[in-house]
Amino acid sequence: MNKPVRTTRADYPHFLSISTRWSDNDVYGHVNNVVYYSYFDTVVNEYLLRAGVLDFSEGETIGLVVETRCNFFASVVFPQRIDAGLRIEKLGNTSVRYEVAIFAEDSEEAAAQGHFVHVYVNRVTRRPVPLPAPLVAALKPLVHA
């Protein structure tokens, strides 16, 4: 397997600043690997909420995570501010592949980067449904060319 190419801030159109927390660190003195997935989830859901296309309590359509991956290049630690960069790698008929990178506050290169895939389903039946038009419109500006 080839090691992924480390991305830079210029590769992402949307950012969310996040403060690391004391509980994010592990016994080895850096943010634990599982916490990065929380950062990924946070930047995606923050974007969807602010765009008005995520109603997690009443919406008919919900996104279920079906795939995740993260590659690590450098450690981040508490206390440190990070920036989570977001872009869309693939905007499908019923799914979206979000790509996220975590940057130390003053770094141009990603400390970690990865992706997760949402399959959008009907809240009740849990069967895949076409992406709603407002969601597609909100995500198009983030599509990576």
N, C-alpha and C. Protein backbone atom coordinates (compact mmCIF):
# COMPACT_ATOMS: atom_id res chain seq x y z
N MET A 1 0.84 -1.17 0.00
CA MET A 1 0.00 0.00 0.00
C MET A 1 0.89 1.24 0.00
N ASN A 2 0.58 2.18 -0.88
CA ASN A 2 1.35 3.42 -0.97
C ASN A 2 0.93 4.39 0.13
N LYS A 3 1.91 5.07 0.70
CA LYS A 3 1.62 6.08 1.71
C LYS A 3 0.99 7.28 1.02
N PRO A 4 -0.08 7.83 1.59
CA PRO A 4 -0.73 8.97 0.96
C PRO A 4 0.15 10.21 0.97
N VAL A 5 -0.11 11.07 0.02
CA VAL A 5 0.60 12.34 -0.07
C VAL A 5 -0.01 13.29 0.96
N ARG A 6 0.83 13.89 1.75
CA ARG A 6 0.38 14.82 2.79
C ARG A 6 -0.21 16.07 2.14
N THR A 7 -1.41 16.41 2.54
CA THR A 7 -2.08 17.57 1.95
C THR A 7 -1.72 18.85 2.69
N THR A 8 -2.11 19.98 2.10
CA THR A 8 -1.86 21.29 2.71
C THR A 8 -3.18 22.04 2.87
N ARG A 9 -3.12 23.13 3.59
CA ARG A 9 -4.32 23.94 3.80
C ARG A 9 -4.97 24.37 2.49
N ALA A 10 -4.16 24.63 1.48
CA ALA A 10 -4.69 25.08 0.19
C ALA A 10 -5.60 24.05 -0.46
N ASP A 11 -5.56 22.81 -0.01
CA ASP A 11 -6.36 21.73 -0.58
C ASP A 11 -7.79 21.68 -0.04
N TYR A 12 -8.12 22.55 0.93
CA TYR A 12 -9.42 22.47 1.60
C TYR A 12 -10.13 23.82 1.57
N PRO A 13 -11.40 23.83 1.15
CA PRO A 13 -12.14 25.09 1.08
C PRO A 13 -12.83 25.52 2.38
N HIS A 14 -12.96 24.60 3.35
CA HIS A 14 -13.67 24.94 4.60
C HIS A 14 -12.83 24.50 5.78
N PHE A 15 -12.82 25.34 6.82
CA PHE A 15 -12.06 25.04 8.04
C PHE A 15 -12.90 25.30 9.28
N LEU A 16 -12.64 24.51 10.31
CA LEU A 16 -13.22 24.71 11.62
C LEU A 16 -12.09 24.64 12.63
N SER A 17 -11.98 25.68 13.46
CA SER A 17 -10.99 25.70 14.52
C SER A 17 -11.54 24.91 15.72
N ILE A 18 -10.71 24.04 16.28
CA ILE A 18 -11.10 23.19 17.39
C ILE A 18 -10.00 23.26 18.46
N SER A 19 -10.41 23.37 19.71
CA SER A 19 -9.45 23.31 20.82
C SER A 19 -9.32 21.87 21.28
N THR A 20 -8.08 21.41 21.38
CA THR A 20 -7.90 20.09 21.97
C THR A 20 -8.26 20.17 23.44
N ARG A 21 -8.60 19.03 24.02
CA ARG A 21 -9.00 18.97 25.42
C ARG A 21 -8.02 18.07 26.18
N TRP A 22 -7.96 18.27 27.47
CA TRP A 22 -7.10 17.44 28.33
C TRP A 22 -7.37 15.96 28.09
N SER A 23 -8.65 15.62 27.98
CA SER A 23 -9.02 14.21 27.82
C SER A 23 -8.68 13.64 26.44
N ASP A 24 -8.29 14.51 25.48
CA ASP A 24 -7.90 14.02 24.15
C ASP A 24 -6.54 13.32 24.17
N ASN A 25 -5.66 13.73 25.09
CA ASN A 25 -4.33 13.13 25.17
C ASN A 25 -4.39 11.71 25.72
N ASP A 26 -3.46 10.90 25.29
CA ASP A 26 -3.35 9.55 25.84
C ASP A 26 -2.09 9.45 26.70
N VAL A 27 -1.78 8.26 27.18
CA VAL A 27 -0.63 8.08 28.07
C VAL A 27 0.70 8.34 27.37
N TYR A 28 0.70 8.42 26.04
CA TYR A 28 1.93 8.68 25.30
C TYR A 28 2.16 10.17 25.07
N GLY A 29 1.26 11.02 25.58
CA GLY A 29 1.47 12.46 25.53
C GLY A 29 1.02 13.15 24.27
N HIS A 30 0.18 12.49 23.47
CA HIS A 30 -0.36 13.15 22.28
C HIS A 30 -1.83 12.77 22.14
N VAL A 31 -2.53 13.48 21.25
CA VAL A 31 -3.95 13.19 21.04
C VAL A 31 -4.08 11.76 20.53
N ASN A 32 -4.96 11.00 21.18
CA ASN A 32 -5.17 9.60 20.84
C ASN A 32 -5.79 9.47 19.46
N ASN A 33 -5.45 8.42 18.76
CA ASN A 33 -5.90 8.24 17.38
C ASN A 33 -7.42 8.25 17.24
N VAL A 34 -8.17 7.72 18.19
CA VAL A 34 -9.62 7.68 18.04
C VAL A 34 -10.25 9.07 18.08
N VAL A 35 -9.57 10.03 18.71
CA VAL A 35 -10.10 11.38 18.82
C VAL A 35 -10.15 12.07 17.46
N TYR A 36 -9.25 11.71 16.57
CA TYR A 36 -9.25 12.32 15.24
C TYR A 36 -10.58 12.07 14.53
N TYR A 37 -11.16 10.90 14.73
CA TYR A 37 -12.46 10.62 14.11
C TYR A 37 -13.55 11.52 14.67
N SER A 38 -13.44 11.88 15.91
CA SER A 38 -14.37 12.84 16.50
C SER A 38 -14.20 14.21 15.85
N TYR A 39 -12.96 14.61 15.59
CA TYR A 39 -12.72 15.87 14.88
C TYR A 39 -13.32 15.82 13.48
N PHE A 40 -13.15 14.69 12.79
CA PHE A 40 -13.73 14.53 11.45
C PHE A 40 -15.24 14.73 11.50
N ASP A 41 -15.87 14.03 12.42
CA ASP A 41 -17.32 14.11 12.57
C ASP A 41 -17.76 15.53 12.92
N THR A 42 -16.99 16.20 13.75
CA THR A 42 -17.34 17.56 14.18
C THR A 42 -17.31 18.53 13.01
N VAL A 43 -16.27 18.51 12.19
CA VAL A 43 -16.20 19.48 11.09
C VAL A 43 -17.28 19.22 10.05
N VAL A 44 -17.58 17.96 9.77
CA VAL A 44 -18.63 17.66 8.79
C VAL A 44 -19.99 18.11 9.30
N ASN A 45 -20.31 17.72 10.54
CA ASN A 45 -21.63 18.07 11.06
C ASN A 45 -21.79 19.57 11.32
N GLU A 46 -20.71 20.23 11.70
CA GLU A 46 -20.76 21.70 11.86
C GLU A 46 -21.10 22.34 10.52
N TYR A 47 -20.46 21.88 9.46
CA TYR A 47 -20.73 22.45 8.13
C TYR A 47 -22.19 22.20 7.73
N LEU A 48 -22.66 20.97 7.90
CA LEU A 48 -24.03 20.64 7.51
C LEU A 48 -25.07 21.41 8.33
N LEU A 49 -24.81 21.56 9.62
CA LEU A 49 -25.74 22.33 10.47
C LEU A 49 -25.78 23.80 10.05
N ARG A 50 -24.61 24.40 9.86
CA ARG A 50 -24.57 25.82 9.48
C ARG A 50 -25.16 26.06 8.09
N ALA A 51 -25.06 25.06 7.22
CA ALA A 51 -25.65 25.18 5.87
C ALA A 51 -27.16 24.92 5.90
N GLY A 52 -27.67 24.49 7.04
CA GLY A 52 -29.11 24.26 7.18
C GLY A 52 -29.61 22.98 6.53
N VAL A 53 -28.71 22.00 6.34
CA VAL A 53 -29.11 20.76 5.66
C VAL A 53 -29.03 19.54 6.56
N LEU A 54 -28.84 19.76 7.85
CA LEU A 54 -28.82 18.65 8.81
C LEU A 54 -29.82 18.94 9.91
N ASP A 55 -30.82 18.10 9.99
CA ASP A 55 -31.79 18.15 11.08
C ASP A 55 -31.74 16.79 11.75
N PHE A 56 -30.85 16.64 12.72
CA PHE A 56 -30.60 15.32 13.30
C PHE A 56 -31.73 14.79 14.17
N SER A 57 -32.67 15.65 14.53
CA SER A 57 -33.77 15.16 15.37
C SER A 57 -35.06 14.91 14.60
N GLU A 58 -35.28 15.63 13.48
CA GLU A 58 -36.55 15.51 12.76
C GLU A 58 -36.41 15.21 11.27
N GLY A 59 -35.19 15.32 10.72
CA GLY A 59 -35.01 15.16 9.28
C GLY A 59 -35.41 13.79 8.77
N GLU A 60 -35.99 13.75 7.58
CA GLU A 60 -36.38 12.48 6.96
C GLU A 60 -35.17 11.67 6.51
N THR A 61 -34.11 12.38 6.12
CA THR A 61 -32.91 11.73 5.60
C THR A 61 -31.77 11.92 6.58
N ILE A 62 -31.04 10.84 6.86
CA ILE A 62 -29.89 10.91 7.75
C ILE A 62 -28.70 10.24 7.07
N GLY A 63 -27.50 10.67 7.46
CA GLY A 63 -26.28 10.07 6.92
C GLY A 63 -25.72 9.06 7.89
N LEU A 64 -25.46 7.86 7.40
CA LEU A 64 -24.82 6.82 8.21
C LEU A 64 -23.39 6.62 7.73
N VAL A 65 -22.45 6.61 8.66
CA VAL A 65 -21.05 6.40 8.30
C VAL A 65 -20.84 4.92 8.00
N VAL A 66 -20.32 4.64 6.80
CA VAL A 66 -20.09 3.25 6.38
C VAL A 66 -18.61 2.94 6.16
N GLU A 67 -17.76 3.98 6.16
CA GLU A 67 -16.33 3.75 5.93
C GLU A 67 -15.55 4.91 6.51
N THR A 68 -14.42 4.60 7.15
CA THR A 68 -13.54 5.64 7.67
C THR A 68 -12.08 5.23 7.47
N ARG A 69 -11.22 6.25 7.44
CA ARG A 69 -9.78 6.01 7.34
C ARG A 69 -9.07 7.26 7.84
N CYS A 70 -7.92 7.05 8.46
CA CYS A 70 -7.09 8.18 8.89
C CYS A 70 -5.62 7.79 8.76
N ASN A 71 -4.83 8.71 8.22
CA ASN A 71 -3.38 8.54 8.14
C ASN A 71 -2.74 9.64 8.99
N PHE A 72 -1.73 9.26 9.75
CA PHE A 72 -1.09 10.18 10.68
C PHE A 72 0.31 10.54 10.21
N PHE A 73 0.63 11.84 10.31
CA PHE A 73 1.93 12.33 9.88
C PHE A 73 2.71 12.99 11.01
N ALA A 74 2.00 13.67 11.92
CA ALA A 74 2.64 14.39 13.03
C ALA A 74 1.66 14.43 14.20
N SER A 75 2.18 14.50 15.40
CA SER A 75 1.33 14.52 16.58
C SER A 75 0.76 15.91 16.84
N VAL A 76 -0.43 15.93 17.41
CA VAL A 76 -0.98 17.13 18.03
C VAL A 76 -1.22 16.79 19.49
N VAL A 77 -1.21 17.81 20.34
CA VAL A 77 -1.29 17.59 21.79
C VAL A 77 -2.20 18.62 22.44
N PHE A 78 -2.60 18.34 23.66
CA PHE A 78 -3.26 19.32 24.50
C PHE A 78 -2.17 20.07 25.25
N PRO A 79 -2.27 21.36 25.42
CA PRO A 79 -3.26 22.27 24.87
C PRO A 79 -2.77 22.80 23.52
N GLN A 80 -3.57 22.64 22.52
CA GLN A 80 -3.22 23.10 21.18
C GLN A 80 -4.50 23.35 20.41
N ARG A 81 -4.52 24.40 19.63
CA ARG A 81 -5.64 24.63 18.73
C ARG A 81 -5.30 23.97 17.41
N ILE A 82 -6.31 23.36 16.82
CA ILE A 82 -6.14 22.73 15.52
C ILE A 82 -7.19 23.29 14.57
N ASP A 83 -6.96 23.12 13.30
CA ASP A 83 -7.93 23.46 12.28
C ASP A 83 -8.25 22.20 11.50
N ALA A 84 -9.54 21.92 11.38
CA ALA A 84 -9.99 20.77 10.59
C ALA A 84 -10.42 21.29 9.22
N GLY A 85 -9.74 20.82 8.18
CA GLY A 85 -10.08 21.19 6.81
C GLY A 85 -11.05 20.17 6.23
N LEU A 86 -11.98 20.65 5.40
CA LEU A 86 -13.01 19.78 4.84
C LEU A 86 -13.14 20.00 3.35
N ARG A 87 -13.27 18.89 2.62
CA ARG A 87 -13.60 18.92 1.20
C ARG A 87 -14.39 17.67 0.86
N ILE A 88 -15.00 17.67 -0.32
CA ILE A 88 -15.76 16.52 -0.80
C ILE A 88 -14.97 15.88 -1.92
N GLU A 89 -14.66 14.61 -1.76
CA GLU A 89 -13.96 13.87 -2.81
C GLU A 89 -14.94 13.29 -3.82
N LYS A 90 -16.09 12.82 -3.33
CA LYS A 90 -17.06 12.23 -4.25
C LYS A 90 -18.47 12.54 -3.76
N LEU A 91 -19.24 13.09 -4.65
CA LEU A 91 -20.64 13.39 -4.40
C LEU A 91 -21.44 12.44 -5.28
N GLY A 92 -21.93 11.35 -4.67
CA GLY A 92 -22.64 10.33 -5.43
C GLY A 92 -24.14 10.55 -5.44
N ASN A 93 -24.87 9.52 -5.80
CA ASN A 93 -26.33 9.57 -5.84
C ASN A 93 -26.93 9.43 -4.44
N THR A 94 -26.37 8.51 -3.64
CA THR A 94 -26.88 8.28 -2.29
C THR A 94 -25.78 8.43 -1.23
N SER A 95 -24.58 8.77 -1.64
CA SER A 95 -23.48 8.83 -0.68
C SER A 95 -22.55 10.01 -0.96
N VAL A 96 -21.78 10.34 0.07
CA VAL A 96 -20.80 11.41 0.00
C VAL A 96 -19.52 10.92 0.66
N ARG A 97 -18.39 11.16 -0.01
CA ARG A 97 -17.09 10.88 0.61
C ARG A 97 -16.50 12.22 1.02
N TYR A 98 -16.44 12.42 2.34
CA TYR A 98 -15.84 13.62 2.92
C TYR A 98 -14.37 13.36 3.17
N GLU A 99 -13.53 14.30 2.81
CA GLU A 99 -12.12 14.21 3.15
C GLU A 99 -11.81 15.32 4.14
N VAL A 100 -11.08 14.94 5.19
CA VAL A 100 -10.78 15.85 6.29
C VAL A 100 -9.29 15.79 6.59
N ALA A 101 -8.73 16.95 6.92
CA ALA A 101 -7.34 17.00 7.36
C ALA A 101 -7.28 17.81 8.65
N ILE A 102 -6.40 17.40 9.54
CA ILE A 102 -6.19 18.08 10.80
C ILE A 102 -4.84 18.79 10.74
N PHE A 103 -4.89 20.10 10.98
CA PHE A 103 -3.69 20.93 10.93
C PHE A 103 -3.41 21.53 12.30
N ALA A 104 -2.15 21.46 12.74
CA ALA A 104 -1.76 22.24 13.91
C ALA A 104 -1.96 23.70 13.54
N GLU A 105 -2.26 24.52 14.51
CA GLU A 105 -2.67 25.91 14.26
C GLU A 105 -1.75 26.67 13.31
N ASP A 106 -0.47 26.51 13.41
CA ASP A 106 0.45 27.29 12.57
C ASP A 106 1.12 26.48 11.47
N SER A 107 0.58 25.31 11.17
CA SER A 107 1.19 24.45 10.17
C SER A 107 0.42 24.48 8.86
N GLU A 108 1.15 24.48 7.77
CA GLU A 108 0.53 24.41 6.44
C GLU A 108 0.29 22.98 5.99
N GLU A 109 0.98 22.01 6.60
CA GLU A 109 0.83 20.60 6.23
C GLU A 109 -0.02 19.87 7.25
N ALA A 110 -0.78 18.91 6.75
CA ALA A 110 -1.66 18.14 7.60
C ALA A 110 -0.88 17.29 8.61
N ALA A 111 -1.35 17.30 9.85
CA ALA A 111 -0.82 16.38 10.86
C ALA A 111 -1.46 15.01 10.68
N ALA A 112 -2.71 15.01 10.21
CA ALA A 112 -3.44 13.78 9.93
C ALA A 112 -4.46 14.09 8.84
N GLN A 113 -4.79 13.09 8.09
CA GLN A 113 -5.82 13.28 7.06
C GLN A 113 -6.50 11.96 6.80
N GLY A 114 -7.73 12.06 6.36
CA GLY A 114 -8.47 10.84 6.09
C GLY A 114 -9.81 11.14 5.48
N HIS A 115 -10.71 10.19 5.61
CA HIS A 115 -12.03 10.37 5.01
C HIS A 115 -13.07 9.58 5.78
N PHE A 116 -14.31 9.93 5.54
CA PHE A 116 -15.39 9.02 5.87
C PHE A 116 -16.49 9.18 4.85
N VAL A 117 -17.25 8.11 4.72
CA VAL A 117 -18.32 8.06 3.73
C VAL A 117 -19.65 7.99 4.47
N HIS A 118 -20.53 8.91 4.11
CA HIS A 118 -21.92 8.87 4.57
C HIS A 118 -22.77 8.26 3.47
N VAL A 119 -23.59 7.29 3.80
CA VAL A 119 -24.67 6.85 2.92
C VAL A 119 -25.93 7.46 3.50
N TYR A 120 -26.66 8.17 2.68
CA TYR A 120 -27.88 8.83 3.13
C TYR A 120 -29.06 7.88 2.99
N VAL A 121 -29.80 7.77 4.10
CA VAL A 121 -30.90 6.82 4.18
C VAL A 121 -32.15 7.50 4.73
N ASN A 122 -33.28 6.86 4.49
CA ASN A 122 -34.53 7.29 5.11
C ASN A 122 -34.43 6.97 6.60
N ARG A 123 -34.77 7.95 7.44
CA ARG A 123 -34.65 7.78 8.89
C ARG A 123 -35.40 6.55 9.40
N VAL A 124 -36.59 6.28 8.84
CA VAL A 124 -37.44 5.19 9.33
C VAL A 124 -37.04 3.85 8.74
N THR A 125 -36.91 3.78 7.41
CA THR A 125 -36.66 2.48 6.76
C THR A 125 -35.19 2.09 6.76
N ARG A 126 -34.31 3.08 6.92
CA ARG A 126 -32.85 2.88 6.84
C ARG A 126 -32.41 2.38 5.48
N ARG A 127 -33.19 2.64 4.47
CA ARG A 127 -32.85 2.30 3.09
C ARG A 127 -32.23 3.52 2.41
N PRO A 128 -31.23 3.33 1.56
CA PRO A 128 -30.61 4.46 0.87
C PRO A 128 -31.63 5.25 0.05
N VAL A 129 -31.41 6.57 0.03
CA VAL A 129 -32.25 7.49 -0.74
C VAL A 129 -31.35 8.45 -1.49
N PRO A 130 -31.84 9.01 -2.60
CA PRO A 130 -31.05 10.02 -3.30
C PRO A 130 -30.75 11.21 -2.39
N LEU A 131 -29.59 11.79 -2.59
CA LEU A 131 -29.22 12.97 -1.81
C LEU A 131 -30.25 14.07 -2.05
N PRO A 132 -30.78 14.68 -0.99
CA PRO A 132 -31.71 15.79 -1.19
C PRO A 132 -31.04 16.95 -1.90
N ALA A 133 -31.79 17.63 -2.76
CA ALA A 133 -31.25 18.75 -3.54
C ALA A 133 -30.59 19.82 -2.67
N PRO A 134 -31.17 20.22 -1.52
CA PRO A 134 -30.49 21.22 -0.70
C PRO A 134 -29.13 20.74 -0.18
N LEU A 135 -29.01 19.47 0.12
CA LEU A 135 -27.74 18.92 0.56
C LEU A 135 -26.71 18.99 -0.56
N VAL A 136 -27.11 18.58 -1.75
CA VAL A 136 -26.20 18.63 -2.90
C VAL A 136 -25.74 20.06 -3.14
N ALA A 137 -26.66 21.02 -3.09
CA ALA A 137 -26.33 22.42 -3.31
C ALA A 137 -25.33 22.92 -2.24
N ALA A 138 -25.51 22.50 -1.00
CA ALA A 138 -24.62 22.91 0.08
C ALA A 138 -23.22 22.30 -0.06
N LEU A 139 -23.15 21.09 -0.61
CA LEU A 139 -21.87 20.39 -0.70
C LEU A 139 -21.07 20.73 -1.96
N LYS A 140 -21.74 21.15 -3.01
CA LYS A 140 -21.02 21.42 -4.28
C LYS A 140 -19.84 22.37 -4.12
N PRO A 141 -19.93 23.43 -3.30
CA PRO A 141 -18.75 24.31 -3.18
C PRO A 141 -17.53 23.63 -2.56
N LEU A 142 -17.72 22.49 -1.95
CA LEU A 142 -16.61 21.79 -1.31
C LEU A 142 -16.01 20.68 -2.17
N VAL A 143 -16.60 20.45 -3.35
CA VAL A 143 -16.12 19.36 -4.21
C VAL A 143 -14.72 19.64 -4.70
N HIS A 144 -13.85 18.66 -4.46
CA HIS A 144 -12.44 18.74 -4.86
C HIS A 144 -12.34 18.42 -6.35
N ALA A 145 -11.76 19.35 -7.08
CA ALA A 145 -11.65 19.18 -8.53
C ALA A 145 -10.56 18.22 -8.91
